[in-house]
Amino acid sequence: LPLLHRIDPVAESIGAVNTVLFTPEGWRGQNTDAYGFLHNLEENVNDLHPYLAHPVVLGAGGAARAVIAALQQAGAERITLT
């Protein structure tokens, strides 16, 4: 992270980068895990809204941070981390 010139806001909130792009402004870090998780949910769950009232995330590693960021972006009201 300290070697990057710019960090995507989602990657910054997750605290991890899994994709680095070279742009005219320099190296930019992104995290695609949150997007991938949310996109998969949206494609496979007919109505995501009821599940956003109180999702439960099992695990507390880097992937869990990405899942939490995605759930927050989707409008989760309350998230329990176990």
PDB file of N, CA and C in Angstrom:
ATOM      1  N   LEU A   1       0.798  -1.212   0.000  1.00  0.00           N
ATOM      2  CA  LEU A   1       0.000   0.000   0.000  1.00  0.00           C
ATOM      3  C   LEU A   1       0.840   1.275   0.000  1.00  0.00           C
ATOM      4  N   PRO A   2       1.926   1.341   0.770  1.00  0.00           N
ATOM      5  CA  PRO A   2       2.687   2.592   0.788  1.00  0.00           C
ATOM      6  C   PRO A   2       3.390   2.900  -0.541  1.00  0.00           C
ATOM      7  N   LEU A   3       3.524   1.925  -1.421  1.00  0.00           N
ATOM      8  CA  LEU A   3       4.195   2.145  -2.703  1.00  0.00           C
ATOM      9  C   LEU A   3       3.249   2.660  -3.784  1.00  0.00           C
ATOM     10  N   LEU A   4       1.967   2.688  -3.488  1.00  0.00           N
ATOM     11  CA  LEU A   4       0.973   3.110  -4.474  1.00  0.00           C
ATOM     12  C   LEU A   4       0.776   4.619  -4.419  1.00  0.00           C
ATOM     13  N   HIS A   5       0.464   5.188  -5.581  1.00  0.00           N
ATOM     14  CA  HIS A   5       0.212   6.624  -5.662  1.00  0.00           C
ATOM     15  C   HIS A   5      -1.229   6.958  -5.305  1.00  0.00           C
ATOM     16  N   ARG A   6      -2.130   6.001  -5.566  1.00  0.00           N
ATOM     17  CA  ARG A   6      -3.549   6.206  -5.283  1.00  0.00           C
ATOM     18  C   ARG A   6      -4.163   4.877  -4.878  1.00  0.00           C
ATOM     19  N   ILE A   7      -5.113   4.926  -3.947  1.00  0.00           N
ATOM     20  CA  ILE A   7      -5.813   3.725  -3.510  1.00  0.00           C
ATOM     21  C   ILE A   7      -7.303   3.963  -3.645  1.00  0.00           C
ATOM     22  N   ASP A   8      -7.970   3.046  -4.306  1.00  0.00           N
ATOM     23  CA  ASP A   8      -9.416   3.091  -4.473  1.00  0.00           C
ATOM     24  C   ASP A   8     -10.077   3.182  -3.097  1.00  0.00           C
ATOM     25  N   PRO A   9     -11.151   3.978  -2.950  1.00  0.00           N
ATOM     26  CA  PRO A   9     -11.802   4.113  -1.639  1.00  0.00           C
ATOM     27  C   PRO A   9     -12.259   2.781  -1.032  1.00  0.00           C
ATOM     28  N   VAL A  10     -12.729   1.857  -1.871  1.00  0.00           N
ATOM     29  CA  VAL A  10     -13.157   0.551  -1.363  1.00  0.00           C
ATOM     30  C   VAL A  10     -11.952  -0.208  -0.819  1.00  0.00           C
ATOM     31  N   ALA A  11     -10.856  -0.207  -1.551  1.00  0.00           N
ATOM     32  CA  ALA A  11      -9.636  -0.887  -1.089  1.00  0.00           C
ATOM     33  C   ALA A  11      -9.129  -0.259   0.196  1.00  0.00           C
ATOM     34  N   GLU A  12      -9.242   1.043   0.294  1.00  0.00           N
ATOM     35  CA  GLU A  12      -8.807   1.729   1.509  1.00  0.00           C
ATOM     36  C   GLU A  12      -9.662   1.315   2.707  1.00  0.00           C
ATOM     37  N   SER A  13     -10.971   1.202   2.497  1.00  0.00           N
ATOM     38  CA  SER A  13     -11.843   0.803   3.605  1.00  0.00           C
ATOM     39  C   SER A  13     -11.612  -0.651   4.010  1.00  0.00           C
ATOM     40  N   ILE A  14     -11.255  -1.496   3.050  1.00  0.00           N
ATOM     41  CA  ILE A  14     -10.963  -2.899   3.337  1.00  0.00           C
ATOM     42  C   ILE A  14      -9.578  -3.035   3.969  1.00  0.00           C
ATOM     43  N   GLY A  15      -8.672  -2.166   3.573  1.00  0.00           N
ATOM     44  CA  GLY A  15      -7.309  -2.228   4.087  1.00  0.00           C
ATOM     45  C   GLY A  15      -6.432  -3.190   3.317  1.00  0.00           C
ATOM     46  N   ALA A  16      -6.859  -3.526   2.085  1.00  0.00           N
ATOM     47  CA  ALA A  16      -6.088  -4.468   1.265  1.00  0.00           C
ATOM     48  C   ALA A  16      -6.315  -4.182  -0.211  1.00  0.00           C
ATOM     49  N   VAL A  17      -5.300  -4.462  -0.990  1.00  0.00           N
ATOM     50  CA  VAL A  17      -5.342  -4.289  -2.439  1.00  0.00           C
ATOM     51  C   VAL A  17      -5.067  -5.648  -3.073  1.00  0.00           C
ATOM     52  N   ASN A  18      -5.851  -6.000  -4.103  1.00  0.00           N
ATOM     53  CA  ASN A  18      -5.559  -7.235  -4.832  1.00  0.00           C
ATOM     54  C   ASN A  18      -5.338  -6.996  -6.322  1.00  0.00           C
ATOM     55  N   THR A  19      -5.448  -5.749  -6.739  1.00  0.00           N
ATOM     56  CA  THR A  19      -5.215  -5.392  -8.134  1.00  0.00           C
ATOM     57  C   THR A  19      -4.458  -4.073  -8.172  1.00  0.00           C
ATOM     58  N   VAL A  20      -3.386  -4.047  -8.954  1.00  0.00           N
ATOM     59  CA  VAL A  20      -2.594  -2.823  -9.095  1.00  0.00           C
ATOM     60  C   VAL A  20      -2.562  -2.453 -10.573  1.00  0.00           C
ATOM     61  N   LEU A  21      -2.921  -1.225 -10.861  1.00  0.00           N
ATOM     62  CA  LEU A  21      -2.945  -0.727 -12.232  1.00  0.00           C
ATOM     63  C   LEU A  21      -1.928   0.392 -12.385  1.00  0.00           C
ATOM     64  N   PHE A  22      -1.287   0.416 -13.542  1.00  0.00           N
ATOM     65  CA  PHE A  22      -0.404   1.538 -13.837  1.00  0.00           C
ATOM     66  C   PHE A  22      -1.197   2.527 -14.674  1.00  0.00           C
ATOM     67  N   THR A  23      -1.360   3.739 -14.166  1.00  0.00           N
ATOM     68  CA  THR A  23      -2.112   4.780 -14.852  1.00  0.00           C
ATOM     69  C   THR A  23      -1.175   5.956 -15.128  1.00  0.00           C
ATOM     70  N   PRO A  24      -1.595   6.924 -15.931  1.00  0.00           N
ATOM     71  CA  PRO A  24      -0.757   8.101 -16.155  1.00  0.00           C
ATOM     72  C   PRO A  24      -0.406   8.843 -14.855  1.00  0.00           C
ATOM     73  N   GLU A  25      -1.263   8.700 -13.836  1.00  0.00           N
ATOM     74  CA  GLU A  25      -1.009   9.346 -12.548  1.00  0.00           C
ATOM     75  C   GLU A  25      -0.123   8.505 -11.639  1.00  0.00           C
ATOM     76  N   GLY A  26       0.220   7.295 -12.048  1.00  0.00           N
ATOM     77  CA  GLY A  26       1.060   6.405 -11.239  1.00  0.00           C
ATOM     78  C   GLY A  26       0.319   5.119 -10.892  1.00  0.00           C
ATOM     79  N   TRP A  27       0.857   4.386  -9.927  1.00  0.00           N
ATOM     80  CA  TRP A  27       0.276   3.100  -9.535  1.00  0.00           C
ATOM     81  C   TRP A  27      -0.981   3.302  -8.700  1.00  0.00           C
ATOM     82  N   ARG A  28      -2.066   2.602  -9.114  1.00  0.00           N
ATOM     83  CA  ARG A  28      -3.348   2.699  -8.407  1.00  0.00           C
ATOM     84  C   ARG A  28      -3.747   1.321  -7.896  1.00  0.00           C
ATOM     85  N   GLY A  29      -4.072   1.233  -6.615  1.00  0.00           N
ATOM     86  CA  GLY A  29      -4.482  -0.024  -6.008  1.00  0.00           C
ATOM     87  C   GLY A  29      -5.984  -0.129  -5.891  1.00  0.00           C
ATOM     88  N   GLN A  30      -6.493  -1.305  -6.183  1.00  0.00           N
ATOM     89  CA  GLN A  30      -7.922  -1.576  -6.087  1.00  0.00           C
ATOM     90  C   GLN A  30      -8.131  -2.888  -5.341  1.00  0.00           C
ATOM     91  N   ASN A  31      -9.353  -3.109  -4.898  1.00  0.00           N
ATOM     92  CA  ASN A  31      -9.733  -4.400  -4.332  1.00  0.00           C
ATOM     93  C   ASN A  31     -11.020  -4.816  -5.023  1.00  0.00           C
ATOM     94  N   THR A  32     -10.998  -5.949  -5.711  1.00  0.00           N
ATOM     95  CA  THR A  32     -12.148  -6.417  -6.473  1.00  0.00           C
ATOM     96  C   THR A  32     -12.981  -7.445  -5.707  1.00  0.00           C
ATOM     97  N   ASP A  33     -12.561  -7.820  -4.509  1.00  0.00           N
ATOM     98  CA  ASP A  33     -13.276  -8.849  -3.749  1.00  0.00           C
ATOM     99  C   ASP A  33     -14.686  -8.403  -3.365  1.00  0.00           C
ATOM    100  N   ALA A  34     -14.844  -7.175  -2.903  1.00  0.00           N
ATOM    101  CA  ALA A  34     -16.160  -6.683  -2.493  1.00  0.00           C
ATOM    102  C   ALA A  34     -17.108  -6.668  -3.692  1.00  0.00           C
ATOM    103  N   TYR A  35     -16.633  -6.152  -4.804  1.00  0.00           N
ATOM    104  CA  TYR A  35     -17.454  -6.125  -6.021  1.00  0.00           C
ATOM    105  C   TYR A  35     -17.851  -7.538  -6.443  1.00  0.00           C
ATOM    106  N   GLY A  36     -16.903  -8.456  -6.449  1.00  0.00           N
ATOM    107  CA  GLY A  36     -17.179  -9.831  -6.860  1.00  0.00           C
ATOM    108  C   GLY A  36     -18.200 -10.500  -5.961  1.00  0.00           C
ATOM    109  N   PHE A  37     -18.081 -10.302  -4.660  1.00  0.00           N
ATOM    110  CA  PHE A  37     -19.030 -10.885  -3.715  1.00  0.00           C
ATOM    111  C   PHE A  37     -20.431 -10.341  -3.958  1.00  0.00           C
ATOM    112  N   LEU A  38     -20.545  -9.019  -4.040  1.00  0.00           N
ATOM    113  CA  LEU A  38     -21.852  -8.383  -4.209  1.00  0.00           C
ATOM    114  C   LEU A  38     -22.471  -8.745  -5.558  1.00  0.00           C
ATOM    115  N   HIS A  39     -21.675  -8.751  -6.596  1.00  0.00           N
ATOM    116  CA  HIS A  39     -22.171  -9.095  -7.935  1.00  0.00           C
ATOM    117  C   HIS A  39     -22.711 -10.530  -7.948  1.00  0.00           C
ATOM    118  N   ASN A  40     -22.006 -11.442  -7.301  1.00  0.00           N
ATOM    119  CA  ASN A  40     -22.457 -12.828  -7.229  1.00  0.00           C
ATOM    120  C   ASN A  40     -23.792 -12.927  -6.482  1.00  0.00           C
ATOM    121  N   LEU A  41     -23.915 -12.211  -5.371  1.00  0.00           N
ATOM    122  CA  LEU A  41     -25.182 -12.216  -4.634  1.00  0.00           C
ATOM    123  C   LEU A  41     -26.321 -11.688  -5.493  1.00  0.00           C
ATOM    124  N   GLU A  42     -26.089 -10.570  -6.145  1.00  0.00           N
ATOM    125  CA  GLU A  42     -27.138  -9.941  -6.956  1.00  0.00           C
ATOM    126  C   GLU A  42     -27.592 -10.844  -8.103  1.00  0.00           C
ATOM    127  N   GLU A  43     -26.669 -11.630  -8.646  1.00  0.00           N
ATOM    128  CA  GLU A  43     -27.017 -12.535  -9.745  1.00  0.00           C
ATOM    129  C   GLU A  43     -27.760 -13.780  -9.264  1.00  0.00           C
ATOM    130  N   ASN A  44     -27.541 -14.191  -8.022  1.00  0.00           N
ATOM    131  CA  ASN A  44     -28.065 -15.471  -7.563  1.00  0.00           C
ATOM    132  C   ASN A  44     -29.174 -15.392  -6.516  1.00  0.00           C
ATOM    133  N   VAL A  45     -29.485 -14.204  -6.039  1.00  0.00           N
ATOM    134  CA  VAL A  45     -30.565 -14.037  -5.067  1.00  0.00           C
ATOM    135  C   VAL A  45     -31.610 -13.128  -5.704  1.00  0.00           C
ATOM    136  N   ASN A  46     -32.847 -13.615  -5.770  1.00  0.00           N
ATOM    137  CA  ASN A  46     -33.904 -12.847  -6.442  1.00  0.00           C
ATOM    138  C   ASN A  46     -34.120 -11.477  -5.822  1.00  0.00           C
ATOM    139  N   ASP A  47     -34.271 -11.445  -4.500  1.00  0.00           N
ATOM    140  CA  ASP A  47     -34.497 -10.171  -3.806  1.00  0.00           C
ATOM    141  C   ASP A  47     -33.523 -10.086  -2.643  1.00  0.00           C
ATOM    142  N   LEU A  48     -32.496  -9.310  -2.805  1.00  0.00           N
ATOM    143  CA  LEU A  48     -31.438  -9.205  -1.806  1.00  0.00           C
ATOM    144  C   LEU A  48     -31.880  -8.404  -0.584  1.00  0.00           C
ATOM    145  N   HIS A  49     -32.851  -7.526  -0.750  1.00  0.00           N
ATOM    146  CA  HIS A  49     -33.226  -6.595   0.315  1.00  0.00           C
ATOM    147  C   HIS A  49     -33.542  -7.255   1.661  1.00  0.00           C
ATOM    148  N   PRO A  50     -34.338  -8.317   1.739  1.00  0.00           N
ATOM    149  CA  PRO A  50     -34.633  -8.907   3.056  1.00  0.00           C
ATOM    150  C   PRO A  50     -33.384  -9.402   3.788  1.00  0.00           C
ATOM    151  N   TYR A  51     -32.403  -9.829   3.038  1.00  0.00           N
ATOM    152  CA  TYR A  51     -31.180 -10.355   3.642  1.00  0.00           C
ATOM    153  C   TYR A  51     -30.264  -9.253   4.174  1.00  0.00           C
ATOM    154  N   LEU A  52     -30.507  -8.027   3.745  1.00  0.00           N
ATOM    155  CA  LEU A  52     -29.663  -6.913   4.171  1.00  0.00           C
ATOM    156  C   LEU A  52     -30.083  -6.328   5.516  1.00  0.00           C
ATOM    157  N   ALA A  53     -31.189  -6.811   6.073  1.00  0.00           N
ATOM    158  CA  ALA A  53     -31.625  -6.315   7.379  1.00  0.00           C
ATOM    159  C   ALA A  53     -30.616  -6.681   8.462  1.00  0.00           C
ATOM    160  N   HIS A  54     -30.084  -7.898   8.404  1.00  0.00           N
ATOM    161  CA  HIS A  54     -29.115  -8.329   9.421  1.00  0.00           C
ATOM    162  C   HIS A  54     -28.298  -9.522   8.925  1.00  0.00           C
ATOM    163  N   PRO A  55     -27.356  -9.283   8.010  1.00  0.00           N
ATOM    164  CA  PRO A  55     -26.497 -10.378   7.559  1.00  0.00           C
ATOM    165  C   PRO A  55     -25.478 -10.763   8.631  1.00  0.00           C
ATOM    166  N   VAL A  56     -25.074 -12.024   8.615  1.00  0.00           N
ATOM    167  CA  VAL A  56     -24.061 -12.533   9.536  1.00  0.00           C
ATOM    168  C   VAL A  56     -22.873 -12.994   8.697  1.00  0.00           C
ATOM    169  N   VAL A  57     -21.681 -12.530   9.046  1.00  0.00           N
ATOM    170  CA  VAL A  57     -20.456 -12.901   8.351  1.00  0.00           C
ATOM    171  C   VAL A  57     -19.658 -13.828   9.262  1.00  0.00           C
ATOM    172  N   LEU A  58     -19.337 -15.011   8.754  1.00  0.00           N
ATOM    173  CA  LEU A  58     -18.544 -15.975   9.517  1.00  0.00           C
ATOM    174  C   LEU A  58     -17.088 -15.854   9.092  1.00  0.00           C
ATOM    175  N   GLY A  59     -16.221 -15.491  10.033  1.00  0.00           N
ATOM    176  CA  GLY A  59     -14.805 -15.310   9.727  1.00  0.00           C
ATOM    177  C   GLY A  59     -14.431 -13.853   9.841  1.00  0.00           C
ATOM    178  N   ALA A  60     -13.158 -13.609  10.114  1.00  0.00           N
ATOM    179  CA  ALA A  60     -12.730 -12.229  10.339  1.00  0.00           C
ATOM    180  C   ALA A  60     -11.432 -11.904   9.615  1.00  0.00           C
ATOM    181  N   GLY A  61     -11.128 -12.622   8.551  1.00  0.00           N
ATOM    182  CA  GLY A  61      -9.903 -12.363   7.796  1.00  0.00           C
ATOM    183  C   GLY A  61     -10.113 -11.301   6.727  1.00  0.00           C
ATOM    184  N   GLY A  62      -9.204 -11.268   5.793  1.00  0.00           N
ATOM    185  CA  GLY A  62      -9.255 -10.267   4.727  1.00  0.00           C
ATOM    186  C   GLY A  62     -10.500 -10.377   3.875  1.00  0.00           C
ATOM    187  N   ALA A  63     -10.923 -11.602   3.582  1.00  0.00           N
ATOM    188  CA  ALA A  63     -12.137 -11.781   2.772  1.00  0.00           C
ATOM    189  C   ALA A  63     -13.354 -11.258   3.525  1.00  0.00           C
ATOM    190  N   ALA A  64     -13.394 -11.445   4.822  1.00  0.00           N
ATOM    191  CA  ALA A  64     -14.518 -10.941   5.624  1.00  0.00           C
ATOM    192  C   ALA A  64     -14.582  -9.424   5.558  1.00  0.00           C
ATOM    193  N   ARG A  65     -13.439  -8.770   5.575  1.00  0.00           N
ATOM    194  CA  ARG A  65     -13.432  -7.304   5.461  1.00  0.00           C
ATOM    195  C   ARG A  65     -14.026  -6.861   4.129  1.00  0.00           C
ATOM    196  N   ALA A  66     -13.714  -7.605   3.059  1.00  0.00           N
ATOM    197  CA  ALA A  66     -14.276  -7.285   1.746  1.00  0.00           C
ATOM    198  C   ALA A  66     -15.778  -7.527   1.724  1.00  0.00           C
ATOM    199  N   VAL A  67     -16.231  -8.612   2.342  1.00  0.00           N
ATOM    200  CA  VAL A  67     -17.656  -8.927   2.391  1.00  0.00           C
ATOM    201  C   VAL A  67     -18.401  -7.843   3.173  1.00  0.00           C
ATOM    202  N   ILE A  68     -17.847  -7.421   4.288  1.00  0.00           N
ATOM    203  CA  ILE A  68     -18.476  -6.364   5.088  1.00  0.00           C
ATOM    204  C   ILE A  68     -18.576  -5.068   4.287  1.00  0.00           C
ATOM    205  N   ALA A  69     -17.522  -4.707   3.581  1.00  0.00           N
ATOM    206  CA  ALA A  69     -17.550  -3.498   2.753  1.00  0.00           C
ATOM    207  C   ALA A  69     -18.641  -3.605   1.692  1.00  0.00           C
ATOM    208  N   ALA A  70     -18.783  -4.781   1.082  1.00  0.00           N
ATOM    209  CA  ALA A  70     -19.809  -4.979   0.058  1.00  0.00           C
ATOM    210  C   ALA A  70     -21.201  -4.880   0.662  1.00  0.00           C
ATOM    211  N   LEU A  71     -21.405  -5.490   1.821  1.00  0.00           N
ATOM    212  CA  LEU A  71     -22.713  -5.439   2.474  1.00  0.00           C
ATOM    213  C   LEU A  71     -23.075  -4.007   2.881  1.00  0.00           C
ATOM    214  N   GLN A  72     -22.084  -3.260   3.358  1.00  0.00           N
ATOM    215  CA  GLN A  72     -22.333  -1.862   3.703  1.00  0.00           C
ATOM    216  C   GLN A  72     -22.705  -1.067   2.457  1.00  0.00           C
ATOM    217  N   GLN A  73     -22.001  -1.311   1.376  1.00  0.00           N
ATOM    218  CA  GLN A  73     -22.277  -0.617   0.108  1.00  0.00           C
ATOM    219  C   GLN A  73     -23.684  -0.953  -0.381  1.00  0.00           C
ATOM    220  N   ALA A  74     -24.126  -2.187  -0.146  1.00  0.00           N
ATOM    221  CA  ALA A  74     -25.458  -2.613  -0.583  1.00  0.00           C
ATOM    222  C   ALA A  74     -26.561  -2.105   0.313  1.00  0.00           C
ATOM    223  N   GLY A  75     -26.190  -1.530   1.478  1.00  0.00           N
ATOM    224  CA  GLY A  75     -27.183  -0.955   2.365  1.00  0.00           C
ATOM    225  C   GLY A  75     -27.568  -1.806   3.550  1.00  0.00           C
ATOM    226  N   ALA A  76     -26.690  -2.728   3.959  1.00  0.00           N
ATOM    227  CA  ALA A  76     -26.981  -3.565   5.130  1.00  0.00           C
ATOM    228  C   ALA A  76     -27.236  -2.685   6.325  1.00  0.00           C
ATOM    229  N   GLU A  77     -28.293  -2.998   7.063  1.00  0.00           N
ATOM    230  CA  GLU A  77     -28.678  -2.190   8.217  1.00  0.00           C
ATOM    231  C   GLU A  77     -27.844  -2.514   9.442  1.00  0.00           C
ATOM    232  N   ARG A  78     -27.547  -3.793   9.632  1.00  0.00           N
ATOM    233  CA  ARG A  78     -26.793  -4.248  10.809  1.00  0.00           C
ATOM    234  C   ARG A  78     -26.026  -5.498  10.386  1.00  0.00           C
ATOM    235  N   ILE A  79     -24.744  -5.590  10.696  1.00  0.00           N
ATOM    236  CA  ILE A  79     -23.921  -6.736  10.322  1.00  0.00           C
ATOM    237  C   ILE A  79     -23.332  -7.342  11.582  1.00  0.00           C
ATOM    238  N   THR A  80     -23.476  -8.668  11.713  1.00  0.00           N
ATOM    239  CA  THR A  80     -22.840  -9.369  12.816  1.00  0.00           C
ATOM    240  C   THR A  80     -21.637 -10.118  12.274  1.00  0.00           C
ATOM    241  N   LEU A  81     -20.503  -9.929  12.925  1.00  0.00           N
ATOM    242  CA  LEU A  81     -19.265 -10.607  12.548  1.00  0.00           C
ATOM    243  C   LEU A  81     -18.978 -11.674  13.600  1.00  0.00           C
ATOM    244  N   THR A  82     -18.846 -12.920  13.168  1.00  0.00           N
ATOM    245  CA  THR A  82     -18.596 -14.026  14.077  1.00  0.00           C
ATOM    246  C   THR A  82     -17.295 -14.704  13.714  1.00  0.00           C
TER     247      THR A  82
END
